[in-house]
N, C-alpha and C. Protein backbone atom coordinates (compact mmCIF):
# COMPACT_ATOMS: atom_id res chain seq x y z
N MET A 1 -4.03 -23.28 -25.51
CA MET A 1 -2.64 -24.28 -25.04
C MET A 1 -3.01 -23.88 -23.55
N ILE A 2 -2.14 -25.01 -23.06
CA ILE A 2 -2.57 -26.03 -21.13
C ILE A 2 -0.99 -25.33 -20.58
N VAL A 3 -1.42 -24.84 -19.64
CA VAL A 3 -0.10 -23.70 -19.35
C VAL A 3 -0.30 -25.05 -17.16
N ASN A 4 0.63 -24.85 -17.04
CA ASN A 4 1.37 -25.39 -15.54
C ASN A 4 0.01 -24.43 -14.33
N LYS A 5 -0.70 -25.13 -14.42
CA LYS A 5 -1.82 -25.12 -13.23
C LYS A 5 -1.84 -24.94 -12.13
N LYS A 6 -0.84 -25.97 -11.89
CA LYS A 6 0.01 -25.83 -10.27
C LYS A 6 1.18 -24.62 -9.93
N LYS A 7 2.10 -24.35 -11.21
CA LYS A 7 2.80 -23.51 -11.06
C LYS A 7 1.77 -22.36 -10.24
N ILE A 8 0.59 -22.03 -11.23
CA ILE A 8 0.12 -20.60 -11.35
C ILE A 8 -0.76 -20.71 -9.74
N PHE A 9 -1.20 -21.71 -9.90
CA PHE A 9 -1.70 -21.51 -8.34
C PHE A 9 -0.89 -21.52 -7.11
N ASP A 10 0.60 -22.16 -7.57
CA ASP A 10 1.63 -21.80 -6.33
C ASP A 10 1.82 -20.26 -6.27
N ILE A 11 1.93 -19.54 -7.61
CA ILE A 11 2.72 -18.68 -7.17
C ILE A 11 1.43 -17.73 -7.12
N LEU A 12 0.38 -17.86 -7.06
CA LEU A 12 -0.59 -17.10 -6.13
C LEU A 12 -0.73 -16.59 -4.80
N GLN A 13 -0.27 -18.27 -4.20
CA GLN A 13 -0.30 -18.15 -3.04
C GLN A 13 0.83 -18.44 -2.12
N SER A 14 1.36 -18.02 -2.52
CA SER A 14 2.96 -17.85 -2.18
C SER A 14 2.86 -16.24 -1.07
N PRO A 15 3.23 -16.31 -0.14
CA PRO A 15 3.48 -14.73 0.52
C PRO A 15 4.53 -13.68 -0.67
N ASP A 16 5.34 -14.40 -1.32
CA ASP A 16 6.63 -13.34 -1.57
C ASP A 16 6.50 -13.88 -3.58
N ALA A 17 7.06 -12.96 -4.14
CA ALA A 17 7.03 -13.13 -5.33
C ALA A 17 8.56 -13.90 -5.48
N GLU A 18 8.93 -15.15 -6.29
CA GLU A 18 10.06 -15.85 -6.31
C GLU A 18 10.10 -16.43 -7.84
N PRO A 19 11.80 -16.60 -7.99
CA PRO A 19 11.87 -15.87 -9.75
C PRO A 19 10.98 -17.50 -10.15
N LEU A 20 11.14 -18.12 -11.17
CA LEU A 20 10.61 -18.99 -11.58
C LEU A 20 11.71 -20.34 -12.12
N GLU A 21 11.41 -21.11 -11.87
CA GLU A 21 12.98 -23.04 -11.64
C GLU A 21 13.49 -22.20 -13.42
N SER A 22 12.90 -21.73 -14.44
CA SER A 22 13.37 -21.65 -15.39
C SER A 22 12.72 -20.56 -16.07
N ASP A 23 13.40 -19.82 -17.82
CA ASP A 23 12.95 -18.73 -17.78
C ASP A 23 11.95 -19.01 -18.66
N ILE A 24 11.75 -20.41 -19.20
CA ILE A 24 10.94 -20.22 -20.24
C ILE A 24 9.57 -20.41 -19.51
N GLU A 25 9.68 -20.91 -18.44
CA GLU A 25 8.35 -21.03 -17.55
C GLU A 25 7.55 -19.59 -17.73
N ILE A 26 8.06 -18.17 -18.42
CA ILE A 26 7.51 -17.01 -18.46
C ILE A 26 6.37 -16.76 -19.32
N GLU A 27 6.73 -17.73 -20.88
CA GLU A 27 5.80 -18.06 -21.53
C GLU A 27 4.45 -18.16 -20.91
N ASP A 28 4.08 -19.14 -20.12
CA ASP A 28 3.12 -19.44 -19.44
C ASP A 28 2.04 -18.22 -18.60
N LEU A 29 2.91 -17.32 -18.00
CA LEU A 29 2.43 -15.76 -17.34
C LEU A 29 2.27 -14.96 -18.33
N ILE A 30 3.04 -14.97 -19.30
CA ILE A 30 2.62 -14.12 -20.64
C ILE A 30 0.88 -14.18 -21.03
N LEU A 31 1.07 -15.88 -21.47
CA LEU A 31 -0.55 -16.26 -21.49
C LEU A 31 -2.03 -15.69 -20.37
N VAL A 32 -1.59 -16.34 -19.05
CA VAL A 32 -2.21 -15.71 -18.18
C VAL A 32 -2.27 -14.24 -18.43
N ILE A 33 -1.32 -13.66 -17.82
CA ILE A 33 -1.67 -12.00 -18.01
C ILE A 33 -2.69 -11.77 -19.27
N GLN A 34 -2.12 -12.25 -20.67
CA GLN A 34 -2.88 -11.48 -21.38
C GLN A 34 -4.46 -12.07 -21.46
N ASP A 35 -4.09 -13.85 -21.02
CA ASP A 35 -6.15 -14.50 -20.18
C ASP A 35 -7.07 -13.17 -19.60
N ILE A 36 -5.51 -12.16 -18.22
CA ILE A 36 -6.23 -11.39 -17.53
C ILE A 36 -6.41 -9.81 -18.23
N ASP A 37 -5.86 -9.73 -19.59
CA ASP A 37 -6.07 -8.37 -19.82
C ASP A 37 -7.36 -8.54 -20.33
N SER A 38 -7.99 -9.82 -20.79
CA SER A 38 -9.41 -10.31 -21.96
C SER A 38 -10.09 -10.26 -20.56
N LYS A 39 -10.15 -10.75 -20.18
CA LYS A 39 -11.49 -10.54 -18.55
C LYS A 39 -11.03 -9.04 -18.16
N LEU A 40 -10.00 -8.21 -17.79
CA LEU A 40 -10.34 -6.84 -17.38
C LEU A 40 -10.84 -6.04 -18.72
N SER A 41 -11.26 -5.93 -19.76
CA SER A 41 -11.33 -5.78 -21.06
C SER A 41 -12.79 -5.74 -20.96
N PHE A 42 -12.95 -6.94 -20.70
CA PHE A 42 -14.32 -7.43 -20.83
C PHE A 42 -15.49 -6.56 -19.19
N LEU A 43 -14.93 -6.82 -18.61
CA LEU A 43 -15.61 -6.01 -16.89
C LEU A 43 -15.33 -4.93 -17.36
N ASP A 44 -14.69 -3.95 -18.32
CA ASP A 44 -14.33 -2.34 -18.23
C ASP A 44 -15.67 -2.20 -19.20
N ARG A 45 -16.20 -2.97 -20.09
CA ARG A 45 -17.80 -3.22 -20.95
C ARG A 45 -18.93 -3.14 -19.88
N LEU A 46 -18.55 -4.07 -19.16
CA LEU A 46 -19.38 -4.40 -18.46
C LEU A 46 -19.62 -3.16 -17.43
N LYS A 47 -18.64 -2.50 -16.94
CA LYS A 47 -19.04 -2.13 -15.69
C LYS A 47 -20.45 -0.66 -16.04
N LYS A 48 -20.40 -0.05 -16.99
CA LYS A 48 -21.58 0.69 -17.25
C LYS A 48 -22.99 -0.04 -16.39
N GLU A 49 -22.74 -1.77 -16.49
CA GLU A 49 -24.49 -2.39 -15.88
C GLU A 49 -23.90 -1.95 -14.20
N ARG A 50 -22.69 -3.01 -14.03
CA ARG A 50 -22.83 -2.94 -12.65
C ARG A 50 -21.55 -2.60 -12.41
N THR A 51 -21.41 -1.79 -10.93
CA THR A 51 -20.02 -1.27 -10.97
C THR A 51 -19.34 -1.78 -9.92
N LYS A 52 -20.04 -1.95 -8.24
CA LYS A 52 -19.06 -2.61 -7.52
C LYS A 52 -18.69 -4.26 -7.50
N ALA A 53 -19.14 -5.32 -8.23
CA ALA A 53 -19.14 -6.19 -8.10
C ALA A 53 -18.05 -6.13 -9.62
N ILE A 54 -17.61 -5.46 -9.93
CA ILE A 54 -17.20 -5.46 -11.49
C ILE A 54 -15.84 -4.99 -10.64
N SER A 55 -16.12 -4.29 -10.36
CA SER A 55 -14.75 -3.30 -9.49
C SER A 55 -13.87 -3.98 -8.74
N GLU A 56 -14.60 -4.77 -7.55
CA GLU A 56 -14.24 -5.97 -7.10
C GLU A 56 -13.11 -6.56 -7.83
N GLU A 57 -13.61 -7.23 -8.28
CA GLU A 57 -13.48 -8.01 -8.89
C GLU A 57 -12.22 -7.89 -10.18
N ALA A 58 -12.09 -6.56 -10.79
CA ALA A 58 -11.30 -5.82 -11.20
C ALA A 58 -9.91 -5.84 -10.22
N ALA A 59 -10.46 -5.41 -9.25
CA ALA A 59 -8.79 -5.45 -8.03
C ALA A 59 -8.68 -6.57 -8.20
N LYS A 60 -8.90 -7.59 -7.77
CA LYS A 60 -8.34 -9.17 -7.35
C LYS A 60 -7.64 -8.98 -8.64
N LEU A 61 -7.99 -9.35 -9.32
CA LEU A 61 -7.21 -9.46 -11.33
C LEU A 61 -6.07 -8.78 -11.38
N LEU A 62 -6.54 -7.63 -11.22
CA LEU A 62 -5.19 -6.67 -11.18
C LEU A 62 -3.79 -6.97 -10.04
N LEU A 63 -3.97 -7.51 -8.82
CA LEU A 63 -3.48 -7.93 -7.89
C LEU A 63 -2.26 -9.23 -8.42
N LYS A 64 -3.60 -9.93 -9.17
CA LYS A 64 -2.95 -11.18 -9.80
C LYS A 64 -1.54 -10.38 -10.85
N LYS A 65 -2.09 -9.75 -11.59
CA LYS A 65 -1.16 -9.61 -12.60
C LYS A 65 -0.14 -8.65 -12.09
N ASP A 66 -0.12 -8.32 -11.15
CA ASP A 66 1.20 -7.71 -10.53
C ASP A 66 1.84 -8.62 -10.16
N ARG A 67 1.55 -9.45 -9.26
CA ARG A 67 2.17 -10.97 -8.76
C ARG A 67 3.09 -11.77 -9.90
N PHE A 68 2.08 -11.95 -11.24
CA PHE A 68 2.80 -12.51 -12.48
C PHE A 68 3.45 -11.52 -12.70
N LYS A 69 4.00 -10.09 -13.08
CA LYS A 69 4.85 -9.02 -12.95
C LYS A 69 5.82 -9.25 -12.63
N GLU A 70 5.15 -9.44 -11.42
CA GLU A 70 6.78 -9.11 -10.09
C GLU A 70 7.59 -10.54 -10.33
N VAL A 71 6.39 -11.52 -10.65
CA VAL A 71 7.79 -13.12 -11.32
C VAL A 71 8.82 -12.85 -12.18
N ILE A 72 7.80 -12.37 -13.23
CA ILE A 72 8.40 -12.73 -14.42
C ILE A 72 9.78 -11.70 -14.28
N SER A 73 9.60 -10.37 -14.06
CA SER A 73 10.71 -9.49 -12.93
C SER A 73 11.75 -10.21 -12.88
N LYS A 74 11.44 -11.04 -11.79
CA LYS A 74 12.56 -11.36 -10.82
C LYS A 74 13.12 -12.81 -11.41
N THR A 75 12.60 -13.13 -12.56
CA THR A 75 12.68 -14.19 -12.94
C THR A 75 13.85 -13.83 -13.91
N LEU A 76 13.26 -12.81 -14.74
CA LEU A 76 14.50 -12.03 -15.25
C LEU A 76 16.20 -11.90 -15.05
N GLU A 77 15.79 -11.38 -13.83
CA GLU A 77 16.93 -10.73 -12.91
C GLU A 77 18.04 -11.93 -12.24
N GLU A 78 17.08 -12.94 -12.30
CA GLU A 78 17.83 -14.23 -12.01
C GLU A 78 18.16 -15.26 -13.11
N PHE A 79 18.01 -14.77 -13.89
CA PHE A 79 18.68 -15.59 -14.91
C PHE A 79 19.65 -14.33 -15.95
N LYS A 80 19.73 -13.65 -15.57
CA LYS A 80 20.64 -12.09 -16.15
C LYS A 80 19.77 -12.15 -17.41
N HIS A 81 18.72 -11.83 -17.69
CA HIS A 81 17.83 -11.93 -19.04
C HIS A 81 17.23 -9.75 -18.86
N LYS A 82 18.02 -8.91 -19.26
CA LYS A 82 16.46 -7.49 -20.18
C LYS A 82 15.58 -7.74 -20.29
N ALA A 83 15.35 -8.84 -21.99
CA ALA A 83 14.87 -9.49 -22.22
C ALA A 83 14.45 -10.69 -23.26
N LEU A 84 13.39 -11.14 -23.42
CA LEU A 84 12.93 -12.59 -23.44
C LEU A 84 12.04 -12.27 -24.80
N ASN A 85 12.21 -12.60 -25.81
CA ASN A 85 11.13 -12.91 -27.27
C ASN A 85 10.23 -14.45 -26.89
N PHE A 86 8.95 -14.60 -26.96
CA PHE A 86 8.63 -15.62 -27.11
C PHE A 86 7.56 -15.65 -27.98
N PRO A 87 8.08 -16.13 -29.48
CA PRO A 87 7.59 -16.21 -30.64
C PRO A 87 6.20 -16.88 -30.48
N GLY A 88 5.09 -15.81 -31.44
CA GLY A 88 4.33 -16.45 -30.86
C GLY A 88 2.81 -15.96 -29.57
N VAL A 89 3.82 -15.82 -29.21
CA VAL A 89 2.97 -15.48 -27.44
C VAL A 89 3.56 -13.70 -27.12
N GLY A 90 4.30 -13.56 -27.26
CA GLY A 90 5.02 -11.67 -26.85
C GLY A 90 6.26 -12.17 -26.18
N ARG A 91 7.10 -10.64 -25.68
CA ARG A 91 7.55 -10.84 -25.72
C ARG A 91 8.17 -9.81 -23.84
N VAL A 92 8.99 -9.87 -22.89
CA VAL A 92 8.95 -9.32 -21.94
C VAL A 92 10.45 -8.63 -22.20
N THR A 93 10.25 -7.25 -20.88
CA THR A 93 11.58 -6.10 -21.74
C THR A 93 11.27 -5.55 -20.13
N SER A 94 12.44 -5.79 -19.44
CA SER A 94 12.97 -5.12 -18.43
C SER A 94 13.43 -4.09 -18.43
N LYS A 95 13.63 -3.21 -17.62
CA LYS A 95 14.59 -1.57 -17.93
C LYS A 95 13.94 -0.84 -16.40
N THR A 96 14.85 -0.62 -16.03
CA THR A 96 15.59 0.59 -14.32
C THR A 96 14.32 1.86 -15.53
N THR A 97 13.20 2.45 -14.09
CA THR A 97 13.18 3.23 -14.40
C THR A 97 13.40 4.45 -13.11
N SER A 98 13.68 5.56 -13.21
CA SER A 98 14.62 7.19 -12.05
C SER A 98 13.44 6.57 -11.70
N GLY A 99 14.40 7.36 -10.27
CA GLY A 99 13.21 7.91 -9.04
C GLY A 99 12.50 9.07 -9.60
N LYS A 100 11.52 9.13 -8.84
CA LYS A 100 10.78 10.79 -9.14
C LYS A 100 10.74 11.71 -8.12
N TRP A 101 11.11 12.72 -8.42
CA TRP A 101 11.41 13.61 -7.32
C TRP A 101 9.40 13.75 -6.59
N GLU A 102 10.13 14.59 -5.37
CA GLU A 102 8.57 14.65 -4.55
C GLU A 102 8.91 15.76 -3.71
N VAL A 103 8.22 16.80 -4.23
CA VAL A 103 8.69 18.12 -3.41
C VAL A 103 7.41 17.84 -2.42
N ILE A 104 8.68 18.12 -1.77
CA ILE A 104 8.56 18.56 -0.20
C ILE A 104 7.97 19.59 0.45
N ASP A 105 8.57 20.68 -0.17
CA ASP A 105 8.74 22.40 0.54
C ASP A 105 8.37 22.92 -0.97
N GLU A 106 6.94 23.28 -1.93
CA GLU A 106 7.08 23.79 -2.69
C GLU A 106 7.97 25.27 -2.96
N ASP A 107 7.26 26.59 -1.90
CA ASP A 107 7.50 27.87 -2.06
C ASP A 107 9.34 27.84 -1.93
N GLY A 108 9.75 26.88 -0.76
CA GLY A 108 11.06 27.26 -0.42
C GLY A 108 12.07 26.87 -1.85
N LEU A 109 11.50 25.51 -3.02
CA LEU A 109 11.87 24.78 -3.55
C LEU A 109 11.77 26.32 -4.36
N ILE A 110 10.91 26.88 -5.40
CA ILE A 110 10.56 27.99 -5.67
C ILE A 110 12.01 29.02 -5.68
N ARG A 111 11.83 29.36 -4.55
CA ARG A 111 12.89 30.36 -3.57
C ARG A 111 14.57 29.94 -3.84
N MET A 112 14.94 28.97 -4.07
CA MET A 112 16.12 28.34 -4.21
C MET A 112 16.23 28.48 -5.65
N LEU A 113 15.08 27.57 -6.55
CA LEU A 113 15.34 27.58 -8.06
C LEU A 113 15.60 28.96 -8.86
N LYS A 114 14.76 29.75 -7.93
CA LYS A 114 15.13 31.44 -8.76
C LYS A 114 16.08 31.96 -8.53
N GLU A 115 17.10 31.41 -7.29
CA GLU A 115 18.48 32.37 -6.78
C GLU A 115 19.19 31.46 -7.45
N GLU A 116 18.90 29.61 -7.97
CA GLU A 116 20.26 29.38 -9.00
C GLU A 116 20.15 29.31 -9.67
N LEU A 117 18.73 29.07 -10.79
CA LEU A 117 19.21 29.07 -12.31
C LEU A 117 18.78 30.42 -12.93
N ASP A 118 19.43 31.08 -13.87
CA ASP A 118 19.02 32.10 -15.39
C ASP A 118 17.02 32.07 -15.18
N ASP A 119 17.06 33.25 -16.10
CA ASP A 119 15.93 33.62 -16.49
C ASP A 119 14.94 32.22 -16.97
N ASP A 120 15.63 31.61 -17.64
CA ASP A 120 15.35 31.43 -18.86
C ASP A 120 14.92 29.72 -18.55
N GLU A 121 15.85 28.67 -17.32
CA GLU A 121 15.89 28.18 -17.08
C GLU A 121 14.72 28.11 -16.21
N PHE A 122 14.52 29.35 -14.80
CA PHE A 122 13.31 29.41 -14.15
C PHE A 122 12.16 28.64 -14.79
N SER A 123 11.70 29.56 -16.01
CA SER A 123 11.02 29.97 -16.49
C SER A 123 10.47 28.36 -17.24
N GLU A 124 11.07 27.70 -17.49
CA GLU A 124 10.98 26.65 -17.90
C GLU A 124 10.57 25.47 -16.85
N VAL A 125 10.81 25.86 -15.49
CA VAL A 125 10.96 25.45 -14.44
C VAL A 125 9.59 25.48 -13.99
N VAL A 126 9.39 26.37 -13.66
CA VAL A 126 8.38 27.42 -12.46
C VAL A 126 7.12 28.42 -13.69
N THR A 127 6.29 27.75 -14.05
CA THR A 127 5.73 29.29 -14.59
C THR A 127 4.71 30.32 -13.95
N GLN A 128 4.78 30.97 -15.01
CA GLN A 128 4.15 32.00 -13.81
C GLN A 128 2.98 32.18 -12.96
N LYS A 129 2.55 31.57 -12.98
CA LYS A 129 1.71 31.36 -11.64
C LYS A 129 2.51 30.47 -10.51
N GLN A 130 3.55 30.42 -11.00
CA GLN A 130 4.65 29.32 -9.70
C GLN A 130 4.29 28.46 -9.63
N VAL A 131 4.07 27.53 -9.97
CA VAL A 131 3.70 26.49 -10.58
C VAL A 131 4.94 25.48 -10.92
N LEU A 132 5.41 24.58 -10.60
CA LEU A 132 6.63 23.87 -10.95
C LEU A 132 6.21 22.71 -12.19
N VAL A 133 6.78 22.52 -12.72
CA VAL A 133 6.68 22.12 -14.36
C VAL A 133 7.42 20.55 -14.13
N LYS A 134 6.33 19.41 -13.94
CA LYS A 134 7.75 18.33 -13.30
C LYS A 134 8.73 18.20 -14.30
N LYS A 135 8.58 17.98 -15.33
CA LYS A 135 9.12 17.24 -16.19
C LYS A 135 10.50 17.46 -16.15
N ALA A 136 10.55 19.57 -16.36
CA ALA A 136 11.85 19.94 -16.66
C ALA A 136 12.57 20.02 -15.08
N LEU A 137 11.76 20.17 -14.33
CA LEU A 137 12.01 20.19 -12.46
C LEU A 137 12.31 18.40 -12.29
N ASN A 138 12.65 17.55 -13.00
CA ASN A 138 13.39 16.89 -12.25
C ASN A 138 14.39 16.58 -13.16
N LYS A 139 14.68 17.12 -14.30
CA LYS A 139 16.02 16.89 -15.02
C LYS A 139 16.82 17.98 -13.77
N VAL A 140 16.35 19.05 -13.78
CA VAL A 140 17.08 20.64 -12.25
C VAL A 140 17.74 19.83 -11.86
N LEU A 141 16.52 18.91 -10.65
CA LEU A 141 16.77 18.44 -9.23
C LEU A 141 17.88 17.62 -9.91
N ASP A 142 18.08 17.01 -10.90
CA ASP A 142 18.64 15.12 -10.69
C ASP A 142 20.30 16.45 -11.35
N ALA A 143 20.31 16.90 -11.82
CA ALA A 143 20.93 17.81 -11.50
C ALA A 143 22.07 18.31 -10.24
N MET A 144 21.24 18.78 -9.81
CA MET A 144 21.59 19.72 -8.49
C MET A 144 21.47 18.36 -7.46
N SER A 145 20.78 17.55 -7.74
CA SER A 145 20.81 16.33 -6.90
C SER A 145 22.17 16.27 -5.33
N SER A 146 23.38 16.34 -5.74
CA SER A 146 24.38 17.01 -4.87
C SER A 146 24.29 17.48 -3.88
N SER A 147 23.62 18.80 -4.61
CA SER A 147 23.87 19.78 -3.56
C SER A 147 23.10 19.59 -1.92
N ASP A 148 23.49 20.14 -0.89
CA ASP A 148 22.47 19.93 0.31
C ASP A 148 21.45 21.04 0.31
N LYS A 149 21.96 21.82 -1.24
CA LYS A 149 20.04 22.62 -0.90
C LYS A 149 19.14 22.51 -1.36
N ILE A 150 19.06 20.84 -1.23
CA ILE A 150 17.42 20.79 -1.59
C ILE A 150 16.80 19.60 -0.69
N THR A 151 18.11 19.80 -0.10
CA THR A 151 17.50 17.71 1.35
C THR A 151 16.18 18.49 1.98
N ASP A 152 16.01 19.58 1.97
CA ASP A 152 14.34 19.40 2.87
C ASP A 152 13.30 19.81 1.63
N LEU A 153 13.67 20.46 1.01
CA LEU A 153 12.96 20.55 -0.40
C LEU A 153 12.48 19.85 -1.32
N ALA A 154 12.61 18.68 -1.73
CA ALA A 154 12.57 17.65 -2.42
C ALA A 154 13.21 16.24 -2.02
N ASP A 155 12.73 15.50 -2.34
CA ASP A 155 12.96 13.97 -2.52
C ASP A 155 13.23 13.27 -3.18
N LYS A 156 14.26 12.96 -3.50
CA LYS A 156 13.53 11.79 -5.13
C LYS A 156 13.72 10.57 -4.36
N GLY A 157 13.04 9.90 -4.71
CA GLY A 157 12.07 8.45 -5.09
C GLY A 157 13.37 7.14 -4.75
N LYS A 158 12.78 6.15 -4.26
CA LYS A 158 14.34 5.00 -5.32
C LYS A 158 13.80 4.82 -6.42
N GLU A 159 14.60 3.88 -7.05
CA GLU A 159 14.65 3.44 -8.80
C GLU A 159 13.91 2.41 -8.71
N ASP A 160 13.10 2.38 -9.79
CA ASP A 160 12.18 1.07 -9.82
C ASP A 160 12.06 0.44 -10.99
N GLN A 161 11.75 -0.62 -10.96
CA GLN A 161 11.98 -1.71 -12.36
C GLN A 161 10.78 -1.49 -12.69
N SER A 162 10.82 -1.16 -14.08
CA SER A 162 9.17 -1.35 -14.59
C SER A 162 10.05 -2.63 -15.73
N LEU A 163 8.39 -3.47 -16.27
CA LEU A 163 8.25 -4.22 -16.82
C LEU A 163 7.45 -3.65 -18.20
N MET A 164 7.40 -4.48 -19.75
CA MET A 164 6.88 -4.26 -20.10
C MET A 164 6.83 -5.27 -21.03
N ILE A 165 5.59 -5.53 -21.81
CA ILE A 165 4.71 -6.45 -21.58
C ILE A 165 4.04 -6.18 -23.41
N THR A 166 4.55 -7.13 -24.06
CA THR A 166 3.74 -7.10 -25.31
C THR A 166 3.41 -8.63 -26.35
N PHE A 167 2.15 -8.19 -26.52
CA PHE A 167 1.24 -9.88 -27.19
C PHE A 167 1.93 -9.86 -28.26
N ASP A 168 1.62 -10.84 -28.53
CA ASP A 168 2.22 -11.17 -29.99
C ASP A 168 0.52 -11.24 -30.92
N LYS A 169 0.54 -10.32 -31.93
CA LYS A 169 -0.85 -9.58 -32.31
C LYS A 169 -1.77 -11.42 -33.05
N LYS A 170 -0.42 -11.70 -33.67
CA LYS A 170 -0.79 -12.78 -35.43
C LYS A 170 -0.95 -13.94 -34.05
N GLY A 171 -0.39 -14.26 -32.56
CA GLY A 171 -0.37 -15.23 -32.59
C GLY A 171 -1.86 -16.24 -32.34
N THR A 172 -1.41 -17.82 -32.17
CA THR A 172 -2.67 -18.43 -31.73
C THR A 172 -2.91 -18.56 -30.61
N LYS A 173 -1.94 -18.77 -29.55
CA LYS A 173 -1.91 -19.47 -28.78
C LYS A 173 -2.74 -18.45 -27.35
N LYS A 174 -3.52 -19.34 -26.69
CA LYS A 174 -4.61 -19.15 -26.21
C LYS A 174 -4.86 -20.62 -25.31
N ILE A 175 -4.61 -19.77 -23.88
CA ILE A 175 -4.43 -20.75 -22.58
C ILE A 175 -6.34 -21.33 -22.42
N GLU A 176 -6.08 -22.60 -22.39
CA GLU A 176 -6.95 -23.60 -22.11
C GLU A 176 -7.76 -22.43 -21.02
N ALA A 177 -9.28 -22.43 -20.48
CA ALA A 177 -9.76 -21.56 -19.61
C ALA A 177 -10.00 -22.29 -18.70
N PHE A 178 -9.57 -21.99 -17.23
CA PHE A 178 -9.63 -22.00 -15.52
C PHE A 178 -9.16 -20.63 -15.01
N GLU A 179 -9.76 -21.31 -13.40
CA GLU A 179 -9.43 -20.12 -12.30
C GLU A 179 -8.01 -20.45 -12.33
N TYR A 180 -7.41 -19.23 -12.29
CA TYR A 180 -5.22 -19.87 -11.84
C TYR A 180 -5.76 -19.37 -10.40
N ASP A 181 -6.40 -19.36 -9.61
CA ASP A 181 -6.44 -19.30 -7.98
C ASP A 181 -6.47 -20.30 -7.46
N ASN A 182 -7.25 -21.53 -8.10
CA ASN A 182 -7.65 -22.77 -7.55
C ASN A 182 -6.33 -23.75 -7.78
N ASP A 183 -6.59 -24.65 -6.57
CA ASP A 183 -5.70 -25.52 -6.56
C ASP A 183 -5.91 -26.90 -7.43
N PRO A 184 -5.53 -26.88 -8.55
CA PRO A 184 -5.64 -28.16 -9.15
C PRO A 184 -5.25 -29.58 -9.20
N ASP A 185 -4.74 -29.60 -7.59
CA ASP A 185 -4.24 -30.27 -6.95
C ASP A 185 -6.05 -31.40 -5.65
N ASP A 186 -6.62 -30.14 -5.76
CA ASP A 186 -7.90 -30.36 -4.95
C ASP A 186 -8.72 -31.10 -5.59
N LEU A 187 -8.95 -31.46 -7.04
CA LEU A 187 -9.89 -32.05 -7.85
C LEU A 187 -9.60 -32.90 -8.57
N ASP A 188 -10.63 -33.37 -8.98
CA ASP A 188 -9.99 -35.32 -10.03
C ASP A 188 -10.08 -34.41 -11.04
N ASP A 189 -10.28 -32.88 -11.28
CA ASP A 189 -11.02 -33.01 -13.00
C ASP A 189 -10.75 -31.29 -12.89
N TYR A 190 -10.06 -30.71 -14.01
CA TYR A 190 -9.83 -29.63 -14.70
C TYR A 190 -10.68 -28.32 -14.77
N ASP A 191 -11.60 -29.51 -15.30
CA ASP A 191 -12.51 -28.51 -15.81
C ASP A 191 -13.69 -27.99 -14.47
N SER A 192 -13.90 -28.73 -13.67
CA SER A 192 -14.21 -28.08 -12.26
C SER A 192 -13.65 -26.54 -11.56
N LEU A 193 -12.76 -26.54 -12.36
CA LEU A 193 -11.39 -25.59 -11.27
C LEU A 193 -12.62 -24.32 -10.70
N GLU A 194 -13.61 -23.73 -11.98
CA GLU A 194 -14.14 -22.98 -12.27
C GLU A 194 -15.19 -22.95 -10.85
N ASN A 195 -15.70 -23.79 -10.29
CA ASN A 195 -16.47 -24.08 -8.60
C ASN A 195 -15.66 -23.65 -7.47
N LYS A 196 -14.22 -23.88 -7.64
CA LYS A 196 -13.91 -23.75 -5.86
C LYS A 196 -13.23 -22.76 -6.01
N GLU A 197 -13.65 -21.77 -4.81
CA GLU A 197 -13.54 -20.33 -4.64
C GLU A 197 -12.14 -20.28 -3.68
N VAL A 198 -11.05 -19.54 -3.55
CA VAL A 198 -9.88 -19.53 -3.12
C VAL A 198 -9.38 -18.32 -3.06
N ASP A 199 -9.39 -17.43 -1.87
CA ASP A 199 -8.85 -16.00 -2.16
C ASP A 199 -7.88 -15.30 -2.17
N PHE A 200 -7.71 -14.88 -2.97
CA PHE A 200 -5.87 -14.63 -3.28
C PHE A 200 -5.49 -13.43 -2.54
């Protein structure tokens, strides 16, 4: 399948992730992300033989993948979609994830929880070695979030959007090989795209 190479290049060159002009264009990004995942899988296997160059290439690919996911998220938001299905290619779903609590003063937090919780609740949140159990602690801190007792003891990070992409296993659509960070307008022939380096 041929994707809009100019659009892919422009996304990578832009300093900010902007929504696409159409939600239908997400299909191209799903295909490019699938291609990146395929390249990352190959690099993981090759990593046993060579490490430094592979790590650098994998880091570049992950940056590109993150940019495409950010553009997809903003496009879904722009067109007021929570999920879109592209038959034969994949599906994108956007959901809000709750911010995670970061413990600032573990000892102080444990003392406060000991005073505020009954023994059963306390033992769920704090082990005998007095190590905080994060999953149970998150629920307790969410419930206590309006209390000023925890302001100096724990801080909740901001909510974040997460994006899930599933690829159609039966899909036959694959993108034509090209380097998506090379400007197709600078070249006479798309087949020569891999010969030109553009830093992302």
